[in-house]
C-alpha atoms as a PDB file:
ATOM      1  CA  UNK A   1     117.869 115.039 113.672  1.00  0.00           C
ATOM      2  CA  UNK A   2     116.184 118.658 112.946  1.00  0.00           C
ATOM      3  CA  UNK A   3     111.981 118.247 112.996  1.00  0.00           C
ATOM      4  CA  UNK A   4     109.355 120.809 113.629  1.00  0.00           C
ATOM      5  CA  UNK A   5     105.438 120.205 113.902  1.00  0.00           C
ATOM      6  CA  UNK A   6     103.237 121.480 111.410  1.00  0.00           C
ATOM      7  CA  UNK A   7      99.737 123.077 112.684  1.00  0.00           C
ATOM      8  CA  UNK A   8      98.050 119.483 111.802  1.00  0.00           C
ATOM      9  CA  UNK A   9     100.912 117.959 114.133  1.00  0.00           C
ATOM     10  CA  UNK A  10     102.916 116.257 111.553  1.00  0.00           C
ATOM     11  CA  UNK A  11     106.522 115.710 112.213  1.00  0.00           C
ATOM     12  CA  UNK A  12     108.334 117.211 109.244  1.00  0.00           C
ATOM     13  CA  UNK A  13     112.462 116.250 109.365  1.00  0.00           C
ATOM     14  CA  UNK A  14     114.632 118.740 107.652  1.00  0.00           C
ATOM     15  CA  UNK A  15     118.602 119.101 106.896  1.00  0.00           C
ATOM     16  CA  UNK A  16     119.526 122.582 106.988  1.00  0.00           C
ATOM     17  CA  UNK A  17     123.669 123.121 105.938  1.00  0.00           C
ATOM     18  CA  UNK A  18     125.537 126.071 106.179  1.00  0.00           C
ATOM     19  CA  UNK A  19     124.843 129.688 106.359  1.00  0.00           C
ATOM     20  CA  UNK A  20     124.377 132.054 103.584  1.00  0.00           C
ATOM     21  CA  UNK A  21     121.452 132.652 100.923  1.00  0.00           C
ATOM     22  CA  UNK A  22     118.693 129.788 101.539  1.00  0.00           C
ATOM     23  CA  UNK A  23     118.317 127.315  98.827  1.00  0.00           C
ATOM     24  CA  UNK A  24     115.260 125.250  99.662  1.00  0.00           C
ATOM     25  CA  UNK A  25     114.812 121.562  97.686  1.00  0.00           C
ATOM     26  CA  UNK A  26     111.679 119.752  97.345  1.00  0.00           C
ATOM     27  CA  UNK A  27     112.346 116.416  96.199  1.00  0.00           C
ATOM     28  CA  UNK A  28     110.369 114.044  93.902  1.00  0.00           C
ATOM     29  CA  UNK A  29     108.129 111.019  95.071  1.00  0.00           C
ATOM     30  CA  UNK A  30     108.690 108.511  96.155  1.00  0.00           C
ATOM     31  CA  UNK A  31     111.890 110.255  97.482  1.00  0.00           C
ATOM     32  CA  UNK A  32     113.621 112.230 100.111  1.00  0.00           C
ATOM     33  CA  UNK A  33     115.700 115.223 101.270  1.00  0.00           C
ATOM     34  CA  UNK A  34     118.614 112.530 100.157  1.00  0.00           C
ATOM     35  CA  UNK A  35     117.571 112.753  97.011  1.00  0.00           C
ATOM     36  CA  UNK A  36     119.589 116.118  96.668  1.00  0.00           C
ATOM     37  CA  UNK A  37     122.565 115.254  98.938  1.00  0.00           C
ATOM     38  CA  UNK A  38     124.917 116.143  96.471  1.00  0.00           C
ATOM     39  CA  UNK A  39     123.692 119.318  95.625  1.00  0.00           C
ATOM     40  CA  UNK A  40     123.143 120.416  98.723  1.00  0.00           C
ATOM     41  CA  UNK A  41     126.857 119.455 100.295  1.00  0.00           C
ATOM     42  CA  UNK A  42     127.824 121.915  96.721  1.00  0.00           C
ATOM     43  CA  UNK A  43     126.239 124.525  97.677  1.00  0.00           C
ATOM     44  CA  UNK A  44     126.497 124.336 101.611  1.00  0.00           C
ATOM     45  CA  UNK A  45     130.622 124.614 100.913  1.00  0.00           C
ATOM     46  CA  UNK A  46     130.158 127.548  98.568  1.00  0.00           C
ATOM     47  CA  UNK A  47     128.219 129.850 100.690  1.00  0.00           C
ATOM     48  CA  UNK A  48     124.332 128.584 100.960  1.00  0.00           C
ATOM     49  CA  UNK A  49     122.337 127.852 103.782  1.00  0.00           C
ATOM     50  CA  UNK A  50     121.074 124.566 101.856  1.00  0.00           C
ATOM     51  CA  UNK A  51     117.279 123.579 103.909  1.00  0.00           C
ATOM     52  CA  UNK A  52     115.713 119.638 102.181  1.00  0.00           C
ATOM     53  CA  UNK A  53     112.880 118.574 103.799  1.00  0.00           C
ATOM     54  CA  UNK A  54     111.339 115.074 104.189  1.00  0.00           C
ATOM     55  CA  UNK A  55     107.798 115.720 102.441  1.00  0.00           C
ATOM     56  CA  UNK A  56     105.174 114.185 104.920  1.00  0.00           C
ATOM     57  CA  UNK A  57     104.728 110.634 104.767  1.00  0.00           C
ATOM     58  CA  UNK A  58     108.255 110.563 102.961  1.00  0.00           C
ATOM     59  CA  UNK A  59     111.623 109.757 104.853  1.00  0.00           C
ATOM     60  CA  UNK A  60     111.756 110.709 108.153  1.00  0.00           C
ATOM     61  CA  UNK A  61     108.725 112.560 108.321  1.00  0.00           C
ATOM     62  CA  UNK A  62     105.224 111.262 109.718  1.00  0.00           C
ATOM     63  CA  UNK A  63     103.791 109.553 107.724  1.00  0.00           C
ATOM     64  CA  UNK A  64     100.071 110.380 108.596  1.00  0.00           C
ATOM     65  CA  UNK A  65      96.808 109.135 106.109  1.00  0.00           C
ATOM     66  CA  UNK A  66      95.428 112.049 105.533  1.00  0.00           C
ATOM     67  CA  UNK A  67      97.387 115.470 103.362  1.00  0.00           C
ATOM     68  CA  UNK A  68      99.065 113.680 101.096  1.00  0.00           C
ATOM     69  CA  UNK A  69      98.232 116.174  98.383  1.00  0.00           C
ATOM     70  CA  UNK A  70     100.218 119.235  96.543  1.00  0.00           C
ATOM     71  CA  UNK A  71      97.734 121.630  98.833  1.00  0.00           C
ATOM     72  CA  UNK A  72      98.564 120.298 102.162  1.00  0.00           C
ATOM     73  CA  UNK A  73     102.874 120.336 100.791  1.00  0.00           C
ATOM     74  CA  UNK A  74     103.141 123.866 100.081  1.00  0.00           C
ATOM     75  CA  UNK A  75     101.296 124.462 103.436  1.00  0.00           C
ATOM     76  CA  UNK A  76     103.958 122.465 105.128  1.00  0.00           C
ATOM     77  CA  UNK A  77     106.783 124.104 103.083  1.00  0.00           C
ATOM     78  CA  UNK A  78     105.099 127.233 104.003  1.00  0.00           C
ATOM     79  CA  UNK A  79     105.562 126.256 107.762  1.00  0.00           C
ATOM     80  CA  UNK A  80     108.906 125.414 107.437  1.00  0.00           C
ATOM     81  CA  UNK A  81     109.624 128.570 106.056  1.00  0.00           C
ATOM     82  CA  UNK A  82     108.131 130.216 108.553  1.00  0.00           C
ATOM     83  CA  UNK A  83     110.109 128.080 111.502  1.00  0.00           C
ATOM     84  CA  UNK A  84     112.916 128.598 110.106  1.00  0.00           C
ATOM     85  CA  UNK A  85     112.117 132.396 109.447  1.00  0.00           C
ATOM     86  CA  UNK A  86     114.029 132.092 105.593  1.00  0.00           C
ATOM     87  CA  UNK A  87     114.365 135.066 103.530  1.00  0.00           C
ATOM     88  CA  UNK A  88     115.167 135.648 100.316  1.00  0.00           C
ATOM     89  CA  UNK A  89     115.180 132.059  99.354  1.00  0.00           C
ATOM     90  CA  UNK A  90     115.623 130.035  96.322  1.00  0.00           C
ATOM     91  CA  UNK A  91     113.427 127.229  95.920  1.00  0.00           C
ATOM     92  CA  UNK A  92     114.197 124.112  94.033  1.00  0.00           C
ATOM     93  CA  UNK A  93     111.624 121.310  93.131  1.00  0.00           C
ATOM     94  CA  UNK A  94     111.688 118.197  91.284  1.00  0.00           C
ATOM     95  CA  UNK A  95     108.868 116.288  89.620  1.00  0.00           C
ATOM     96  CA  UNK A  96     106.553 116.291  92.773  1.00  0.00           C
ATOM     97  CA  UNK A  97     108.366 119.123  94.606  1.00  0.00           C
ATOM     98  CA  UNK A  98     108.158 121.199  91.457  1.00  0.00           C
ATOM     99  CA  UNK A  99     104.223 120.657  92.043  1.00  0.00           C
ATOM    100  CA  UNK A 100     104.918 121.530  95.978  1.00  0.00           C
ATOM    101  CA  UNK A 101     107.042 124.936  94.573  1.00  0.00           C
ATOM    102  CA  UNK A 102     104.459 126.179  92.256  1.00  0.00           C
ATOM    103  CA  UNK A 103     101.602 125.769  94.764  1.00  0.00           C
ATOM    104  CA  UNK A 104     103.067 126.974  97.475  1.00  0.00           C
ATOM    105  CA  UNK A 105     104.264 130.055  95.537  1.00  0.00           C
ATOM    106  CA  UNK A 106     100.368 130.131  94.512  1.00  0.00           C
ATOM    107  CA  UNK A 107      99.050 129.529  97.840  1.00  0.00           C
ATOM    108  CA  UNK A 108     101.275 131.568  99.938  1.00  0.00           C
ATOM    109  CA  UNK A 109     103.094 134.665  98.114  1.00  0.00           C
ATOM    110  CA  UNK A 110     106.754 135.293  96.920  1.00  0.00           C
ATOM    111  CA  UNK A 111     107.749 137.642 100.092  1.00  0.00           C
ATOM    112  CA  UNK A 112     110.091 135.210 100.958  1.00  0.00           C
ATOM    113  CA  UNK A 113     111.115 133.522  97.410  1.00  0.00           C
ATOM    114  CA  UNK A 114     113.756 134.822  95.677  1.00  0.00           C
ATOM    115  CA  UNK A 115     113.907 132.577  92.686  1.00  0.00           C
ATOM    116  CA  UNK A 116     111.845 129.242  92.077  1.00  0.00           C
ATOM    117  CA  UNK A 117     113.796 126.265  90.028  1.00  0.00           C
ATOM    118  CA  UNK A 118     111.568 123.564  88.578  1.00  0.00           C
ATOM    119  CA  UNK A 119     112.925 120.461  87.195  1.00  0.00           C
ATOM    120  CA  UNK A 120     110.909 118.094  85.380  1.00  0.00           C
ATOM    121  CA  UNK A 121     108.013 119.313  87.017  1.00  0.00           C
ATOM    122  CA  UNK A 122     104.368 118.182  87.456  1.00  0.00           C
ATOM    123  CA  UNK A 123     103.426 121.710  86.277  1.00  0.00           C
ATOM    124  CA  UNK A 124     101.339 121.949  84.223  1.00  0.00           C
ATOM    125  CA  UNK A 125      98.988 118.611  85.385  1.00  0.00           C
ATOM    126  CA  UNK A 126     100.114 115.764  84.345  1.00  0.00           C
ATOM    127  CA  UNK A 127      96.843 114.531  83.340  1.00  0.00           C
ATOM    128  CA  UNK A 128      95.091 114.618  80.339  1.00  0.00           C
ATOM    129  CA  UNK A 129      91.895 116.715  79.920  1.00  0.00           C
ATOM    130  CA  UNK A 130      90.025 118.348  77.803  1.00  0.00           C
ATOM    131  CA  UNK A 131      91.998 120.984  79.084  1.00  0.00           C
ATOM    132  CA  UNK A 132      94.734 119.604  78.673  1.00  0.00           C
ATOM    133  CA  UNK A 133      95.082 117.583  76.022  1.00  0.00           C
ATOM    134  CA  UNK A 134      99.060 116.557  75.931  1.00  0.00           C
ATOM    135  CA  UNK A 135      98.697 115.259  79.155  1.00  0.00           C
ATOM    136  CA  UNK A 136      99.049 111.280  80.228  1.00  0.00           C
ATOM    137  CA  UNK A 137      95.783 109.282  80.113  1.00  0.00           C
ATOM    138  CA  UNK A 138      94.310 108.558  83.530  1.00  0.00           C
ATOM    139  CA  UNK A 139      95.130 104.339  83.660  1.00  0.00           C
ATOM    140  CA  UNK A 140      99.023 105.391  83.202  1.00  0.00           C
ATOM    141  CA  UNK A 141      98.227 107.280  87.010  1.00  0.00           C
ATOM    142  CA  UNK A 142      95.640 104.136  87.828  1.00  0.00           C
ATOM    143  CA  UNK A 143      98.775 101.612  86.555  1.00  0.00           C
ATOM    144  CA  UNK A 144     101.523 103.368  88.900  1.00  0.00           C
ATOM    145  CA  UNK A 145      99.015 103.143  92.098  1.00  0.00           C
ATOM    146  CA  UNK A 146      98.598  99.673  91.137  1.00  0.00           C
ATOM    147  CA  UNK A 147     101.997  98.691  90.996  1.00  0.00           C
ATOM    148  CA  UNK A 148     102.673 100.300  94.227  1.00  0.00           C
ATOM    149  CA  UNK A 149      99.937  98.346  95.904  1.00  0.00           C
ATOM    150  CA  UNK A 150     100.738  94.842  94.376  1.00  0.00           C
ATOM    151  CA  UNK A 151     104.460  95.121  95.666  1.00  0.00           C
ATOM    152  CA  UNK A 152     105.935  98.161  95.833  1.00  0.00           C
ATOM    153  CA  UNK A 153     109.453  97.306  96.636  1.00  0.00           C
ATOM    154  CA  UNK A 154     109.872  95.378  92.904  1.00  0.00           C
ATOM    155  CA  UNK A 155     108.374  98.576  91.643  1.00  0.00           C
ATOM    156  CA  UNK A 156     110.233 100.941  92.867  1.00  0.00           C
ATOM    157  CA  UNK A 157     113.626  98.713  91.974  1.00  0.00           C
ATOM    158  CA  UNK A 158     111.703  98.383  88.402  1.00  0.00           C
ATOM    159  CA  UNK A 159     111.096 102.298  88.149  1.00  0.00           C
ATOM    160  CA  UNK A 160     114.866 103.360  88.944  1.00  0.00           C
ATOM    161  CA  UNK A 161     115.771 102.033  85.446  1.00  0.00           C
ATOM    162  CA  UNK A 162     113.518 104.593  83.567  1.00  0.00           C
ATOM    163  CA  UNK A 163     113.928 106.912  86.372  1.00  0.00           C
ATOM    164  CA  UNK A 164     118.066 107.022  85.875  1.00  0.00           C
ATOM    165  CA  UNK A 165     117.300 107.028  81.878  1.00  0.00           C
ATOM    166  CA  UNK A 166     119.693 103.156  82.855  1.00  0.00           C
ATOM    167  CA  UNK A 167     117.102 101.844  80.279  1.00  0.00           C
ATOM    168  CA  UNK A 168     118.764 103.540  77.212  1.00  0.00           C
ATOM    169  CA  UNK A 169     121.160 102.021  74.713  1.00  0.00           C
ATOM    170  CA  UNK A 170     124.754 102.259  76.165  1.00  0.00           C
ATOM    171  CA  UNK A 171     123.572 103.443  79.763  1.00  0.00           C
ATOM    172  CA  UNK A 172     126.443 102.880  82.160  1.00  0.00           C
ATOM    173  CA  UNK A 173     123.991 101.160  85.353  1.00  0.00           C
ATOM    174  CA  UNK A 174     124.846 102.298  88.907  1.00  0.00           C
ATOM    175  CA  UNK A 175     123.784 100.098  91.068  1.00  0.00           C
ATOM    176  CA  UNK A 176     124.399 102.436  94.367  1.00  0.00           C
ATOM    177  CA  UNK A 177     121.988 104.767  92.864  1.00  0.00           C
ATOM    178  CA  UNK A 178     119.355 102.415  91.713  1.00  0.00           C
ATOM    179  CA  UNK A 179     119.476 101.103  95.940  1.00  0.00           C
ATOM    180  CA  UNK A 180     119.331 104.473  97.290  1.00  0.00           C
ATOM    181  CA  UNK A 181     116.346 105.311  95.369  1.00  0.00           C
ATOM    182  CA  UNK A 182     114.781 101.685  96.075  1.00  0.00           C
ATOM    183  CA  UNK A 183     115.789 102.483  99.391  1.00  0.00           C
ATOM    184  CA  UNK A 184     114.317 106.170  99.690  1.00  0.00           C
ATOM    185  CA  UNK A 185     110.783 104.798  98.212  1.00  0.00           C
ATOM    186  CA  UNK A 186     110.611 102.262 101.378  1.00  0.00           C
ATOM    187  CA  UNK A 187     111.102 104.482 103.408  1.00  0.00           C
ATOM    188  CA  UNK A 188     108.060 106.368 102.509  1.00  0.00           C
ATOM    189  CA  UNK A 189     104.552 105.596 104.065  1.00  0.00           C
ATOM    190  CA  UNK A 190     102.312 103.568 101.925  1.00  0.00           C
ATOM    191  CA  UNK A 191      99.546 106.443 102.109  1.00  0.00           C
ATOM    192  CA  UNK A 192     102.032 108.799 100.548  1.00  0.00           C
ATOM    193  CA  UNK A 193     103.435 106.057  98.068  1.00  0.00           C
ATOM    194  CA  UNK A 194      99.637 106.135  96.792  1.00  0.00           C
ATOM    195  CA  UNK A 195      97.833 108.866  97.745  1.00  0.00           C
ATOM    196  CA  UNK A 196     100.553 111.226  95.951  1.00  0.00           C
ATOM    197  CA  UNK A 197     100.176 110.168  92.788  1.00  0.00           C
END
């Protein structure tokens, strides 16, 4: 398995498929690089070099107690980009991964970036504040944390329904997709599962 070690000693797993212009995928919470496997395979077969990493604390990467925050995730992404010497990269981030990409650009600039695509991303901040009145109340996040701590296995299985829109009338529920979401969530360490929220 390809990995590299960050400056703070965290081992980060990544997939690196294909050749051509690099496309770097940053996954959402509590998932892993596997969340993008269909897109990665599709683009790699069409002349792109596709890289997807398991964020620290998630998937096959190390599970440190500390550093489970957007700034550290962005710094880890910068180290991955430097490790692979990526240039002219297209960055795609979903949910927390969108926050990671936005913070990466904010902290490390655009010298190696061609484009950024944020899909259902957390920026702008999700928390409701005076400056962000359209955000979600802190109680929503407290409830997610409590659900993860109480029984994260059941929480992730239950979350897979609304995550994929399977709770909508007429939706065709694909149990394999739900199982994959659950598996990826269960691969994440508890510190990342709680602190990333």
